[in-house]
Amino acid sequence: KLMQDLEEKTITIETSRLKKLKIAFDYLDLTSEFVERTEESDIEQILVLLDNETENRDFDLVAQIMFLTDVFTIETNNDSKEPEVLQFMISLPIVANEKTMTGIATLILRLNPFLPLGAFGITDLNSVYYRYNLVSSKGSSFDIPLVFEILDSMNFFGEIISKTIYDFSIEKSTLDEVLERTLKLFLE
């Protein structure tokens, strides 16, 4: 039904694929914001507020969706078979410090293999993130229901693991406690 409704809407050829995705988010009443390209930033992106399903988190998860070709200007021969990467990234309100860096890195290394989609990581500035990259042919349309599945999965796993890392980072739980509790969730 969503795809039929989107096709019936008047969307010009110049409308970017991310703008079309924003229309789909609006249609489904998802809280999202489209960020246009500017002189300062040539990155077009969408920010999507993910549900706090368990209400067991003290912070919101916001997914940032953008094409990596906007981030990394890559010279191509305009061949339509060139790959294109749509990145989904959730930056977490967790910054590893000297005391927690080893434990957070250990958590990420131990828990990432259980994720069916994407991976957690640490930036150069010691911030924790969760990222997934969807690769497609350049200029191809992407499957909007697939985008929703990706966001739903990232929200589910992001919620479980971000809570685990957060609890450890604020010293609410020890490394062994959070690993045991989280691994038990995956193995049930």
Protein backbone atom coordinates (compact mmCIF):
# COMPACT_ATOMS: atom_id res chain seq x y z
CA LYS A 1 0.00 0.00 0.00
CA LEU A 2 2.81 2.44 0.88
CA MET A 3 4.60 1.87 -2.43
CA GLN A 4 1.38 2.40 -4.40
CA ASP A 5 0.63 5.63 -2.50
CA LEU A 6 4.19 6.88 -3.08
CA GLU A 7 3.94 6.19 -6.81
CA GLU A 8 0.68 8.12 -6.96
CA LYS A 9 2.23 11.19 -5.30
CA THR A 10 3.69 13.78 -7.63
CA ILE A 11 7.44 13.38 -7.24
CA THR A 12 9.64 15.02 -9.83
CA ILE A 13 12.64 13.32 -11.37
CA GLU A 14 14.85 15.84 -9.56
CA THR A 15 13.58 14.67 -6.19
CA SER A 16 16.42 12.84 -4.51
CA ARG A 17 16.03 9.30 -3.28
CA LEU A 18 16.50 10.52 0.29
CA LYS A 19 13.65 13.01 -0.15
CA LYS A 20 11.47 10.16 -1.38
CA LEU A 21 12.46 8.20 1.70
CA LYS A 22 11.50 11.19 3.86
CA ILE A 23 8.05 11.16 2.23
CA ALA A 24 7.72 7.49 3.22
CA PHE A 25 8.75 8.29 6.81
CA ASP A 26 6.17 11.09 6.95
CA TYR A 27 3.52 8.77 5.54
CA LEU A 28 4.17 6.33 8.40
CA ASP A 29 4.29 9.13 11.03
CA LEU A 30 7.95 8.50 11.87
CA THR A 31 9.76 11.44 13.42
CA SER A 32 12.42 12.40 10.91
CA GLU A 33 14.21 15.41 9.49
CA PHE A 34 15.61 15.87 6.00
CA VAL A 35 18.87 17.85 5.99
CA GLU A 36 19.56 19.54 2.65
CA ARG A 37 22.95 20.14 1.10
CA THR A 38 24.42 23.52 1.97
CA GLU A 39 27.48 25.52 1.00
CA GLU A 40 29.18 24.32 4.19
CA SER A 41 28.18 20.68 3.79
CA ASP A 42 27.55 18.80 0.58
CA ILE A 43 25.93 15.96 2.51
CA GLU A 44 22.23 15.29 2.10
CA GLN A 45 20.89 13.18 4.95
CA ILE A 46 17.88 12.11 6.95
CA LEU A 47 17.79 11.88 10.74
CA VAL A 48 15.24 9.41 12.12
CA LEU A 49 14.23 9.16 15.77
CA LEU A 50 13.99 5.47 16.66
CA ASP A 51 11.42 4.13 19.09
CA ASN A 52 12.38 3.56 22.70
CA GLU A 53 10.56 0.21 22.67
CA THR A 54 11.41 -0.94 26.17
CA GLU A 55 11.57 2.55 27.68
CA ASN A 56 14.63 1.12 29.41
CA ARG A 57 17.01 3.68 27.90
CA ASP A 58 17.94 7.07 29.29
CA PHE A 59 18.69 8.48 25.82
CA ASP A 60 17.23 8.56 22.30
CA LEU A 61 18.63 6.66 19.35
CA VAL A 62 18.74 8.72 16.17
CA ALA A 63 19.66 7.07 12.88
CA GLN A 64 21.55 9.18 10.35
CA ILE A 65 20.98 7.98 6.77
CA MET A 66 23.17 9.24 3.93
CA PHE A 67 24.98 8.16 0.79
CA LEU A 68 28.71 7.75 1.38
CA THR A 69 29.34 9.14 -2.10
CA ASP A 70 28.24 12.47 -0.61
CA VAL A 71 30.83 12.11 2.16
CA PHE A 72 33.71 10.84 0.06
CA THR A 73 33.88 12.56 -3.29
CA ILE A 74 34.93 9.74 -5.53
CA GLU A 75 35.81 10.26 -9.18
CA THR A 76 33.91 7.70 -11.23
CA ASN A 77 33.35 7.22 -14.92
CA ASN A 78 29.57 7.61 -14.36
CA ASP A 79 29.13 3.91 -15.03
CA SER A 80 25.74 2.92 -13.64
CA LYS A 81 27.28 -0.33 -12.37
CA GLU A 82 29.48 1.49 -9.87
CA PRO A 83 28.50 0.55 -6.32
CA GLU A 84 26.77 3.07 -4.11
CA VAL A 85 26.65 2.86 -0.33
CA LEU A 86 23.69 4.01 1.77
CA GLN A 87 24.96 4.31 5.34
CA PHE A 88 22.79 3.97 8.44
CA MET A 89 24.60 5.26 11.52
CA ILE A 90 23.53 5.73 15.12
CA SER A 91 25.90 7.83 17.23
CA LEU A 92 25.53 6.88 20.88
CA PRO A 93 25.91 9.29 23.81
CA ILE A 94 28.83 7.24 25.05
CA VAL A 95 32.43 8.42 25.03
CA ALA A 96 35.13 6.03 26.15
CA ASN A 97 37.71 7.48 28.51
CA GLU A 98 41.03 6.05 29.70
CA LYS A 99 39.26 4.06 32.40
CA THR A 100 36.54 2.56 30.17
CA MET A 101 38.18 2.31 26.71
CA THR A 102 39.51 -1.25 27.09
CA GLY A 103 36.22 -2.54 28.52
CA ILE A 104 34.07 -0.85 25.85
CA ALA A 105 36.34 -2.15 23.09
CA THR A 106 36.12 -5.65 24.61
CA LEU A 107 32.31 -5.44 24.77
CA ILE A 108 32.13 -4.37 21.13
CA LEU A 109 34.50 -7.12 20.00
CA ARG A 110 32.63 -9.78 21.97
CA LEU A 111 29.11 -8.69 20.96
CA ASN A 112 29.53 -7.71 17.28
CA PRO A 113 29.64 -11.34 16.05
CA PHE A 114 26.10 -11.84 17.37
CA LEU A 115 24.71 -9.01 15.25
CA PRO A 116 23.05 -10.10 12.02
CA LEU A 117 23.29 -6.56 10.70
CA GLY A 118 25.97 -3.90 11.04
CA ALA A 119 28.53 -3.44 13.78
CA PHE A 120 29.39 -1.23 16.71
CA GLY A 121 32.62 0.74 16.68
CA ILE A 122 34.55 3.59 18.26
CA THR A 123 35.45 6.81 16.42
CA ASP A 124 38.79 8.62 16.55
CA LEU A 125 37.21 10.85 19.22
CA ASN A 126 36.32 7.77 21.35
CA SER A 127 32.57 8.03 20.66
CA VAL A 128 30.62 4.82 20.24
CA TYR A 129 28.47 4.23 17.14
CA TYR A 130 26.40 1.53 15.45
CA ARG A 131 26.63 1.40 11.65
CA TYR A 132 25.34 -0.59 8.70
CA ASN A 133 26.11 0.00 5.03
CA LEU A 134 23.70 -1.06 2.28
CA VAL A 135 25.45 -1.48 -1.08
CA SER A 136 23.57 -1.12 -4.35
CA SER A 137 24.21 -0.21 -7.99
CA LYS A 138 24.69 3.50 -8.55
CA GLY A 139 21.44 5.28 -9.29
CA SER A 140 19.27 2.24 -8.59
CA SER A 141 16.18 2.72 -6.51
CA PHE A 142 16.28 1.12 -3.11
CA ASP A 143 13.61 -0.99 -1.56
CA ILE A 144 11.81 1.22 0.97
CA PRO A 145 10.46 -1.75 2.99
CA LEU A 146 14.07 -2.98 3.25
CA VAL A 147 15.09 0.41 4.69
CA PHE A 148 12.37 0.04 7.34
CA GLU A 149 13.55 -3.49 8.15
CA ILE A 150 17.12 -2.21 8.55
CA LEU A 151 16.00 0.59 10.87
CA ASP A 152 13.84 -1.79 12.89
CA SER A 153 16.71 -4.26 13.31
CA MET A 154 19.17 -1.50 14.17
CA ASN A 155 16.74 -0.16 16.74
CA PHE A 156 16.31 -3.59 18.33
CA PHE A 157 19.99 -4.48 18.51
CA GLY A 158 21.04 -0.88 19.12
CA GLU A 159 18.78 -0.76 22.14
CA ILE A 160 20.13 -3.96 23.67
CA ILE A 161 23.81 -3.31 23.10
CA SER A 162 23.83 0.46 23.63
CA LYS A 163 22.21 -0.09 27.05
CA THR A 164 24.92 -2.66 27.82
CA ILE A 165 27.75 -0.33 26.80
CA TYR A 166 26.13 2.63 28.54
CA ASP A 167 25.71 0.73 31.82
CA PHE A 168 29.37 -0.24 31.71
CA SER A 169 30.53 3.29 30.77
CA ILE A 170 28.78 4.86 33.78
CA GLU A 171 30.04 2.03 36.02
CA LYS A 172 26.52 0.79 36.71
CA SER A 173 27.68 -2.76 35.90
CA THR A 174 31.01 -4.54 35.61
CA LEU A 175 32.33 -5.87 32.31
CA ASP A 176 31.59 -9.47 33.31
CA GLU A 177 28.03 -8.59 34.41
CA VAL A 178 27.09 -6.79 31.20
CA LEU A 179 28.68 -9.46 29.01
CA GLU A 180 26.89 -12.27 30.84
CA ARG A 181 23.53 -10.46 30.77
CA THR A 182 23.76 -9.54 27.10
CA LEU A 183 25.10 -12.87 25.87
CA LYS A 184 22.25 -14.56 27.74
CA LEU A 185 19.76 -12.42 25.73
CA PHE A 186 21.35 -13.51 22.45
CA LEU A 187 21.49 -17.16 23.36
CA GLU A 188 17.89 -17.46 24.57
